[in-house]
Structure formats: structure tokens, C-alpha cells
Amino acid sequence: WLRSNERIARDRRQYAACVEHMDAAVGEVIATLEKTGQRRNTLIVFTSDNGGMGQRASDLGLYPGKYENGDLGENQPLRGHKGQLYEGGIRVPAFVNWPGKVAARKVTAPVHAVDWVPTLTKLAGYRPADNAKWDGQDVWPVVTGTSKATPRELYWKGPGGRTVALRSGDWKLVVQNPGDTAKRKAELYDLGEDPYEQRDRAASEPATVARMEKALAAQQARDDDAVPPRPQGVKE
């Protein structure tokens, strides 16, 4: 127990050092923007792509010879970790900063990573001449508070397709082993009342499960990993 505790403490110190290093690097970027007079002309977006890992990188065989101590992430009080579709694996902090353009405020509407491409390209003045088949949508009005978020569905597929999930409003459906009839399991959570996903409501809300299963099937039918054609006017 002591050795395990010491190992975790060592990993936590390394994780804290990595965060401090990243913070210093971001500070250098901002200082350079200020020095060159570009700070007020620059939108900064800071976000992540997934929650912290549930195991040490070295234990998973990742980055051999580089990070022998690993660096355990911490997602509490959210449930789950990187590679899972519970909130601890997919819900991450994010902020945008643009002096004189974006006022300080908190956004609680769900925003997905795929929204950044249509949002940032539109801000930059780019308009695709044909259908770019982007999964996301322009969320700048939501970020700036000039418009409320419109109802939408958010769909995820976990590594290897072993788990899929759909969010509609506060309801979230998580399906384990979707391709295996014998092992398939649907879980339902009300994120408004239960953001930490501790109470599976599937048994008590069969109508909601049925509705979301139908919506999930439609999303899966549209799921296409193929790279779309390059939009007109965009060079290599």
C-alpha cells in the first residue's frame, strides 16, 4: 500500500510539473503577442480532446522509454477516464479569450470539439464553396452570448466502437458492446440531475431509452470515417 501510495504521489508531482510547464509556455505565447502588438487581434482558444487517463502511460505500454513514471490524470467528481464515454472521458474544460471582442461569461451549453472548425473558419471569413461535410456547427453566437444554443444531439463512438453514446438535452444514452447482442447494455443518465452518472435510469425510463435508441441508430447510420473531398479553393 505504501509503495502504491508513493508511486501515485510521484506521478501527481510529475503531472503538476507538466501543468506548470504548459502554463509557462502559454504565458510566453501571450507575452509575444503583446510584445508584437497582436494581442487584441488574436483569439485564443484553450481546450482539451479528452479526460485524464485512468492508468499510468507506462502501465499501458505508451511512450516507452520516455515517461516511465506515467502521469495519472484526475477527473473527479466526473465518472470515467480517457477512452470511455462517461463524462470523465469526454467532458473537458475550455475557454476563449479575445480582448475587446469577448466579454467575461460562463457558457453552460454543450459544445463539441468538432464545432471549432466551422466556428473558426467562419470567423476567418472562409466559406466552403461546396459541402465540406463538417460534423460541427458554428457556435460563436453561443460563446459570445448573442444567441442561445439550439437543441441538438451529440454523438460519440469510443475506441474500436466498443461503446457509443448519444446526448439529447440533459439525457445521455451510453451503450456498451453495441455490436454484440448477448453483451449489449444500454445505460441512461439525466445529466441535469445526475452530472456524475451515478444513477442509471434505463429501467425506469423505457420510453426515453426507446426514443434515444432510435436517434442513436440514425446517427450510427450517418457515421462515416472516410475523409471527405478537399473543399474547393483549398490547396494542399
C-alpha atoms as a PDB file:
ATOM      1  CA  TRP A   1       0.000   0.000   0.000  1.00  0.00           C
ATOM      2  CA  LEU A   2       2.822   2.411   0.891  1.00  0.00           C
ATOM      3  CA  ARG A   3       4.695   1.746  -2.340  1.00  0.00           C
ATOM      4  CA  SER A   4       1.492   2.279  -4.314  1.00  0.00           C
ATOM      5  CA  ASN A   5       0.799   5.489  -2.436  1.00  0.00           C
ATOM      6  CA  GLU A   6       4.335   6.736  -3.036  1.00  0.00           C
ATOM      7  CA  ARG A   7       4.021   5.930  -6.726  1.00  0.00           C
ATOM      8  CA  ILE A   8       0.786   7.890  -7.027  1.00  0.00           C
ATOM      9  CA  ALA A   9       2.332  10.825  -5.161  1.00  0.00           C
ATOM     10  CA  ARG A  10       5.312  10.762  -7.537  1.00  0.00           C
ATOM     11  CA  ASP A  11       3.009  10.695 -10.549  1.00  0.00           C
ATOM     12  CA  ARG A  12       0.970  13.588  -9.142  1.00  0.00           C
ATOM     13  CA  ARG A  13       4.134  15.678  -8.709  1.00  0.00           C
ATOM     14  CA  GLN A  14       5.124  14.954 -12.295  1.00  0.00           C
ATOM     15  CA  TYR A  15       1.620  15.829 -13.501  1.00  0.00           C
ATOM     16  CA  ALA A  16       1.728  19.124 -11.585  1.00  0.00           C
ATOM     17  CA  ALA A  17       5.123  19.894 -13.110  1.00  0.00           C
ATOM     18  CA  CYS A  18       3.735  19.252 -16.604  1.00  0.00           C
ATOM     19  CA  VAL A  19       0.829  21.617 -15.947  1.00  0.00           C
ATOM     20  CA  GLU A  20       3.204  24.302 -14.668  1.00  0.00           C
ATOM     21  CA  HIS A  21       5.419  23.871 -17.723  1.00  0.00           C
ATOM     22  CA  MET A  22       2.413  24.169 -20.055  1.00  0.00           C
ATOM     23  CA  ASP A  23       1.192  27.265 -18.206  1.00  0.00           C
ATOM     24  CA  ALA A  24       4.588  28.895 -18.612  1.00  0.00           C
ATOM     25  CA  ALA A  25       4.651  28.068 -22.336  1.00  0.00           C
ATOM     26  CA  VAL A  26       1.181  29.580 -22.858  1.00  0.00           C
ATOM     27  CA  GLY A  27       2.408  32.656 -20.982  1.00  0.00           C
ATOM     28  CA  GLU A  28       5.315  33.002 -23.410  1.00  0.00           C
ATOM     29  CA  VAL A  29       2.927  32.885 -26.375  1.00  0.00           C
ATOM     30  CA  ILE A  30       0.731  35.614 -24.847  1.00  0.00           C
ATOM     31  CA  ALA A  31       3.740  37.742 -23.946  1.00  0.00           C
ATOM     32  CA  THR A  32       4.941  37.512 -27.551  1.00  0.00           C
ATOM     33  CA  LEU A  33       1.524  38.554 -28.871  1.00  0.00           C
ATOM     34  CA  GLU A  34       1.559  41.566 -26.566  1.00  0.00           C
ATOM     35  CA  LYS A  35       5.132  42.479 -27.493  1.00  0.00           C
ATOM     36  CA  THR A  36       4.344  42.363 -31.226  1.00  0.00           C
ATOM     37  CA  GLY A  37       1.083  44.300 -30.845  1.00  0.00           C
ATOM     38  CA  GLN A  38      -1.082  41.379 -31.955  1.00  0.00           C
ATOM     39  CA  ARG A  39      -2.814  40.584 -28.663  1.00  0.00           C
ATOM     40  CA  ARG A  40      -6.054  42.426 -29.433  1.00  0.00           C
ATOM     41  CA  ASN A  41      -6.116  40.906 -32.917  1.00  0.00           C
ATOM     42  CA  THR A  42      -5.788  37.328 -31.662  1.00  0.00           C
ATOM     43  CA  LEU A  43      -8.442  34.903 -30.496  1.00  0.00           C
ATOM     44  CA  ILE A  44      -7.060  32.326 -28.058  1.00  0.00           C
ATOM     45  CA  VAL A  45      -8.872  29.006 -27.665  1.00  0.00           C
ATOM     46  CA  PHE A  46      -7.673  26.694 -24.905  1.00  0.00           C
ATOM     47  CA  THR A  47      -9.252  23.250 -24.692  1.00  0.00           C
ATOM     48  CA  SER A  48      -8.507  19.533 -24.490  1.00  0.00           C
ATOM     49  CA  ASP A  49      -9.504  16.486 -26.524  1.00  0.00           C
ATOM     50  CA  ASN A  50     -10.296  14.045 -23.703  1.00  0.00           C
ATOM     51  CA  GLY A  51     -10.269  13.468 -19.964  1.00  0.00           C
ATOM     52  CA  GLY A  52      -7.322  12.182 -17.961  1.00  0.00           C
ATOM     53  CA  MET A  53      -6.048   8.632 -18.262  1.00  0.00           C
ATOM     54  CA  GLY A  54      -7.207   6.051 -15.760  1.00  0.00           C
ATOM     55  CA  GLN A  55      -3.878   4.205 -15.787  1.00  0.00           C
ATOM     56  CA  ARG A  56      -0.244   5.216 -16.000  1.00  0.00           C
ATOM     57  CA  ALA A  57       1.067   5.651 -19.532  1.00  0.00           C
ATOM     58  CA  SER A  58       3.914   3.246 -18.763  1.00  0.00           C
ATOM     59  CA  ASP A  59       1.482   0.590 -17.494  1.00  0.00           C
ATOM     60  CA  LEU A  60      -0.401   0.806 -20.787  1.00  0.00           C
ATOM     61  CA  GLY A  61       2.792   0.484 -22.822  1.00  0.00           C
ATOM     62  CA  LEU A  62       2.564   4.046 -24.133  1.00  0.00           C
ATOM     63  CA  TYR A  63       5.594   6.221 -24.856  1.00  0.00           C
ATOM     64  CA  PRO A  64       8.182   3.544 -23.925  1.00  0.00           C
ATOM     65  CA  GLY A  65      11.443   4.923 -22.598  1.00  0.00           C
ATOM     66  CA  LYS A  66      10.124   8.473 -22.322  1.00  0.00           C
ATOM     67  CA  TYR A  67       7.685   8.726 -19.432  1.00  0.00           C
ATOM     68  CA  GLU A  68       8.481   5.837 -17.130  1.00  0.00           C
ATOM     69  CA  ASN A  69       6.635   7.406 -14.198  1.00  0.00           C
ATOM     70  CA  GLY A  70       3.445   7.867 -16.166  1.00  0.00           C
ATOM     71  CA  ASP A  71       1.205  10.793 -15.327  1.00  0.00           C
ATOM     72  CA  LEU A  72      -2.145   9.853 -13.844  1.00  0.00           C
ATOM     73  CA  GLY A  73      -4.895  12.304 -14.670  1.00  0.00           C
ATOM     74  CA  GLU A  74      -7.707  13.189 -12.275  1.00  0.00           C
ATOM     75  CA  ASN A  75     -11.292  13.577 -13.482  1.00  0.00           C
ATOM     76  CA  GLN A  76     -13.195  13.502 -10.187  1.00  0.00           C
ATOM     77  CA  PRO A  77     -16.001  14.100  -9.463  1.00  0.00           C
ATOM     78  CA  LEU A  78     -16.803  13.105 -13.051  1.00  0.00           C
ATOM     79  CA  ARG A  79     -17.064   9.392 -13.776  1.00  0.00           C
ATOM     80  CA  GLY A  80     -14.686   7.616 -16.127  1.00  0.00           C
ATOM     81  CA  HIS A  81     -11.450   8.406 -17.938  1.00  0.00           C
ATOM     82  CA  LYS A  82      -9.849   8.699 -21.369  1.00  0.00           C
ATOM     83  CA  GLY A  83     -11.159   6.017 -23.728  1.00  0.00           C
ATOM     84  CA  GLN A  84     -14.560   5.879 -22.022  1.00  0.00           C
ATOM     85  CA  LEU A  85     -17.712   7.801 -22.962  1.00  0.00           C
ATOM     86  CA  TYR A  86     -18.702   8.740 -19.435  1.00  0.00           C
ATOM     87  CA  GLU A  87     -18.290  12.447 -18.686  1.00  0.00           C
ATOM     88  CA  GLY A  88     -14.817  11.964 -17.200  1.00  0.00           C
ATOM     89  CA  GLY A  89     -13.609  10.753 -20.593  1.00  0.00           C
ATOM     90  CA  ILE A  90     -15.263  13.303 -22.868  1.00  0.00           C
ATOM     91  CA  ARG A  91     -16.100  16.418 -20.845  1.00  0.00           C
ATOM     92  CA  VAL A  92     -13.184  18.836 -20.684  1.00  0.00           C
ATOM     93  CA  PRO A  93     -12.585  22.467 -19.684  1.00  0.00           C
ATOM     94  CA  ALA A  94     -12.272  25.089 -22.378  1.00  0.00           C
ATOM     95  CA  PHE A  95     -12.096  28.850 -22.637  1.00  0.00           C
ATOM     96  CA  VAL A  96     -11.756  31.511 -25.293  1.00  0.00           C
ATOM     97  CA  ASN A  97     -10.147  34.908 -24.822  1.00  0.00           C
ATOM     98  CA  TRP A  98     -10.156  37.885 -27.177  1.00  0.00           C
ATOM     99  CA  PRO A  99      -9.684  41.342 -25.623  1.00  0.00           C
ATOM    100  CA  GLY A 100     -12.375  43.756 -26.730  1.00  0.00           C
ATOM    101  CA  LYS A 101     -14.300  41.040 -28.572  1.00  0.00           C
ATOM    102  CA  VAL A 102     -15.419  38.512 -25.959  1.00  0.00           C
ATOM    103  CA  ALA A 103     -16.792  39.614 -22.593  1.00  0.00           C
ATOM    104  CA  ALA A 104     -16.237  37.520 -19.483  1.00  0.00           C
ATOM    105  CA  ARG A 105     -19.051  34.978 -19.105  1.00  0.00           C
ATOM    106  CA  LYS A 106     -19.685  31.307 -18.447  1.00  0.00           C
ATOM    107  CA  VAL A 107     -21.103  29.067 -21.158  1.00  0.00           C
ATOM    108  CA  THR A 108     -23.029  26.025 -19.938  1.00  0.00           C
ATOM    109  CA  ALA A 109     -24.429  24.858 -23.290  1.00  0.00           C
ATOM    110  CA  PRO A 110     -22.730  21.721 -24.641  1.00  0.00           C
ATOM    111  CA  VAL A 111     -20.066  22.492 -27.246  1.00  0.00           C
ATOM    112  CA  HIS A 112     -18.267  19.731 -29.129  1.00  0.00           C
ATOM    113  CA  ALA A 113     -14.674  19.658 -30.380  1.00  0.00           C
ATOM    114  CA  VAL A 114     -15.944  19.323 -33.954  1.00  0.00           C
ATOM    115  CA  ASP A 115     -17.606  22.747 -33.621  1.00  0.00           C
ATOM    116  CA  TRP A 116     -14.280  24.599 -33.657  1.00  0.00           C
ATOM    117  CA  VAL A 117     -13.591  24.100 -37.386  1.00  0.00           C
ATOM    118  CA  PRO A 118     -16.832  25.669 -38.686  1.00  0.00           C
ATOM    119  CA  THR A 119     -16.653  28.331 -35.963  1.00  0.00           C
ATOM    120  CA  LEU A 120     -13.074  29.464 -36.547  1.00  0.00           C
ATOM    121  CA  THR A 121     -13.179  29.232 -40.339  1.00  0.00           C
ATOM    122  CA  LYS A 122     -16.303  31.407 -40.424  1.00  0.00           C
ATOM    123  CA  LEU A 123     -14.620  33.964 -38.157  1.00  0.00           C
ATOM    124  CA  ALA A 124     -11.678  33.991 -40.538  1.00  0.00           C
ATOM    125  CA  GLY A 125     -14.004  34.702 -43.463  1.00  0.00           C
ATOM    126  CA  TYR A 126     -13.749  31.313 -45.164  1.00  0.00           C
ATOM    127  CA  ARG A 127     -16.883  29.968 -46.821  1.00  0.00           C
ATOM    128  CA  PRO A 128     -16.630  26.497 -48.385  1.00  0.00           C
ATOM    129  CA  ALA A 129     -17.861  26.521 -51.969  1.00  0.00           C
ATOM    130  CA  ASP A 130     -19.328  23.043 -51.636  1.00  0.00           C
ATOM    131  CA  ASN A 131     -20.497  20.733 -48.862  1.00  0.00           C
ATOM    132  CA  ALA A 132     -17.476  20.198 -46.606  1.00  0.00           C
ATOM    133  CA  LYS A 133     -19.427  17.583 -44.601  1.00  0.00           C
ATOM    134  CA  TRP A 134     -18.346  19.056 -41.284  1.00  0.00           C
ATOM    135  CA  ASP A 135     -19.929  17.378 -38.276  1.00  0.00           C
ATOM    136  CA  GLY A 136     -19.884  20.515 -36.159  1.00  0.00           C
ATOM    137  CA  GLN A 137     -21.672  23.836 -36.296  1.00  0.00           C
ATOM    138  CA  ASP A 138     -20.794  27.490 -35.787  1.00  0.00           C
ATOM    139  CA  VAL A 139     -21.092  28.094 -32.037  1.00  0.00           C
ATOM    140  CA  TRP A 140     -19.707  31.652 -31.950  1.00  0.00           C
ATOM    141  CA  PRO A 141     -23.141  33.164 -31.131  1.00  0.00           C
ATOM    142  CA  VAL A 142     -23.392  30.768 -28.164  1.00  0.00           C
ATOM    143  CA  VAL A 143     -19.845  31.514 -26.995  1.00  0.00           C
ATOM    144  CA  THR A 144     -20.393  35.278 -27.141  1.00  0.00           C
ATOM    145  CA  GLY A 145     -23.907  35.144 -25.708  1.00  0.00           C
ATOM    146  CA  THR A 146     -25.582  36.788 -28.700  1.00  0.00           C
ATOM    147  CA  SER A 147     -27.768  33.736 -29.216  1.00  0.00           C
ATOM    148  CA  LYS A 148     -28.979  30.766 -27.187  1.00  0.00           C
ATOM    149  CA  ALA A 149     -27.927  27.266 -28.134  1.00  0.00           C
ATOM    150  CA  THR A 150     -30.383  25.412 -30.362  1.00  0.00           C
ATOM    151  CA  PRO A 151     -31.409  21.872 -29.354  1.00  0.00           C
ATOM    152  CA  ARG A 152     -29.041  19.322 -30.819  1.00  0.00           C
ATOM    153  CA  GLU A 153     -27.843  15.762 -30.494  1.00  0.00           C
ATOM    154  CA  LEU A 154     -24.229  14.905 -29.700  1.00  0.00           C
ATOM    155  CA  TYR A 155     -22.891  11.510 -30.742  1.00  0.00           C
ATOM    156  CA  TRP A 156     -19.722   9.693 -29.714  1.00  0.00           C
ATOM    157  CA  LYS A 157     -18.096   6.414 -30.692  1.00  0.00           C
ATOM    158  CA  GLY A 158     -15.448   5.062 -28.358  1.00  0.00           C
ATOM    159  CA  PRO A 159     -12.197   3.299 -29.309  1.00  0.00           C
ATOM    160  CA  GLY A 160     -12.878   0.286 -31.513  1.00  0.00           C
ATOM    161  CA  GLY A 161     -16.608   1.024 -31.432  1.00  0.00           C
ATOM    162  CA  ARG A 162     -16.902  -0.873 -28.146  1.00  0.00           C
ATOM    163  CA  THR A 163     -19.046   1.923 -26.726  1.00  0.00           C
ATOM    164  CA  VAL A 164     -21.313   4.510 -28.317  1.00  0.00           C
ATOM    165  CA  ALA A 165     -23.203   7.367 -26.702  1.00  0.00           C
ATOM    166  CA  LEU A 166     -25.795   9.979 -27.544  1.00  0.00           C
ATOM    167  CA  ARG A 167     -26.749  13.137 -25.697  1.00  0.00           C
ATOM    168  CA  SER A 168     -30.062  14.895 -26.282  1.00  0.00           C
ATOM    169  CA  GLY A 169     -30.777  17.752 -23.904  1.00  0.00           C
ATOM    170  CA  ASP A 170     -29.867  16.521 -20.434  1.00  0.00           C
ATOM    171  CA  TRP A 171     -30.452  12.880 -21.331  1.00  0.00           C
ATOM    172  CA  LYS A 172     -27.439  10.754 -22.212  1.00  0.00           C
ATOM    173  CA  LEU A 173     -27.562   7.198 -23.519  1.00  0.00           C
ATOM    174  CA  VAL A 174     -24.431   5.059 -23.193  1.00  0.00           C
ATOM    175  CA  VAL A 175     -24.399   1.686 -24.954  1.00  0.00           C
ATOM    176  CA  GLN A 176     -21.728  -0.865 -24.103  1.00  0.00           C
ATOM    177  CA  ASN A 177     -20.829  -3.520 -26.724  1.00  0.00           C
ATOM    178  CA  PRO A 178     -23.309  -2.191 -29.302  1.00  0.00           C
ATOM    179  CA  GLY A 179     -22.420  -4.850 -31.878  1.00  0.00           C
ATOM    180  CA  ASP A 180     -22.820  -7.847 -29.544  1.00  0.00           C
ATOM    181  CA  THR A 181     -26.436  -8.823 -28.912  1.00  0.00           C
ATOM    182  CA  ALA A 182     -25.552 -11.002 -25.924  1.00  0.00           C
ATOM    183  CA  LYS A 183     -23.379  -8.406 -24.155  1.00  0.00           C
ATOM    184  CA  ARG A 184     -25.082  -5.204 -25.301  1.00  0.00           C
ATOM    185  CA  LYS A 185     -26.108  -2.951 -22.420  1.00  0.00           C
ATOM    186  CA  ALA A 186     -27.863   0.431 -22.566  1.00  0.00           C
ATOM    187  CA  GLU A 187     -27.441   2.937 -19.735  1.00  0.00           C
ATOM    188  CA  LEU A 188     -29.412   6.164 -19.359  1.00  0.00           C
ATOM    189  CA  TYR A 189     -28.413   9.203 -17.294  1.00  0.00           C
ATOM    190  CA  ASP A 190     -30.029  12.564 -16.598  1.00  0.00           C
ATOM    191  CA  LEU A 191     -27.030  14.901 -16.594  1.00  0.00           C
ATOM    192  CA  GLY A 192     -29.119  17.776 -15.282  1.00  0.00           C
ATOM    193  CA  GLU A 193     -29.883  15.953 -12.030  1.00  0.00           C
ATOM    194  CA  ASP A 194     -27.011  13.477 -12.067  1.00  0.00           C
ATOM    195  CA  PRO A 195     -23.922  15.026 -13.734  1.00  0.00           C
ATOM    196  CA  TYR A 196     -21.654  12.375 -12.232  1.00  0.00           C
ATOM    197  CA  GLU A 197     -23.611   9.482 -13.827  1.00  0.00           C
ATOM    198  CA  GLN A 198     -24.241   7.542 -10.662  1.00  0.00           C
ATOM    199  CA  ARG A 199     -27.906   6.580 -11.296  1.00  0.00           C
ATOM    200  CA  ASP A 200     -28.729   4.502 -14.352  1.00  0.00           C
ATOM    201  CA  ARG A 201     -32.318   5.405 -15.316  1.00  0.00           C
ATOM    202  CA  ALA A 202     -32.717   2.887 -18.166  1.00  0.00           C
ATOM    203  CA  ALA A 203     -35.079   0.606 -16.246  1.00  0.00           C
ATOM    204  CA  SER A 204     -37.340   3.426 -15.029  1.00  0.00           C
ATOM    205  CA  GLU A 205     -37.409   5.411 -18.299  1.00  0.00           C
ATOM    206  CA  PRO A 206     -38.072   2.839 -21.065  1.00  0.00           C
ATOM    207  CA  ALA A 207     -39.799   5.370 -23.342  1.00  0.00           C
ATOM    208  CA  THR A 208     -36.786   7.703 -23.196  1.00  0.00           C
ATOM    209  CA  VAL A 209     -34.437   4.800 -23.888  1.00  0.00           C
ATOM    210  CA  ALA A 210     -36.514   3.760 -26.912  1.00  0.00           C
ATOM    211  CA  ARG A 211     -36.549   7.310 -28.281  1.00  0.00           C
ATOM    212  CA  MET A 212     -32.814   7.746 -27.852  1.00  0.00           C
ATOM    213  CA  GLU A 213     -32.034   4.282 -29.236  1.00  0.00           C
ATOM    214  CA  LYS A 214     -33.837   5.301 -32.421  1.00  0.00           C
ATOM    215  CA  ALA A 215     -31.913   8.584 -32.602  1.00  0.00           C
ATOM    216  CA  LEU A 216     -28.651   6.754 -31.889  1.00  0.00           C
ATOM    217  CA  ALA A 217     -29.313   4.294 -34.725  1.00  0.00           C
ATOM    218  CA  ALA A 218     -29.831   7.224 -37.093  1.00  0.00           C
ATOM    219  CA  GLN A 219     -26.531   8.778 -36.004  1.00  0.00           C
ATOM    220  CA  GLN A 220     -24.716   5.464 -36.452  1.00  0.00           C
ATOM    221  CA  ALA A 221     -26.149   5.126 -39.948  1.00  0.00           C
ATOM    222  CA  ARG A 222     -24.660   8.517 -40.846  1.00  0.00           C
ATOM    223  CA  ASP A 223     -21.336   7.745 -39.169  1.00  0.00           C
ATOM    224  CA  ASP A 224     -18.692   7.744 -41.892  1.00  0.00           C
ATOM    225  CA  ASP A 225     -14.972   7.753 -41.108  1.00  0.00           C
ATOM    226  CA  ALA A 226     -13.976   8.371 -44.726  1.00  0.00           C
ATOM    227  CA  VAL A 227     -12.076  11.606 -45.305  1.00  0.00           C
ATOM    228  CA  PRO A 228     -14.343  13.969 -47.315  1.00  0.00           C
ATOM    229  CA  PRO A 229     -13.080  15.555 -50.536  1.00  0.00           C
ATOM    230  CA  ARG A 230     -10.959  18.685 -50.086  1.00  0.00           C
ATOM    231  CA  PRO A 231     -13.214  21.785 -50.326  1.00  0.00           C
ATOM    232  CA  GLN A 232     -12.863  23.834 -53.491  1.00  0.00           C
ATOM    233  CA  GLY A 233     -10.294  26.604 -53.258  1.00  0.00           C
ATOM    234  CA  VAL A 234      -8.245  24.861 -50.536  1.00  0.00           C
ATOM    235  CA  LYS A 235      -4.751  23.879 -51.623  1.00  0.00           C
ATOM    236  CA  GLU A 236      -2.520  21.137 -50.250  1.00  0.00           C
END
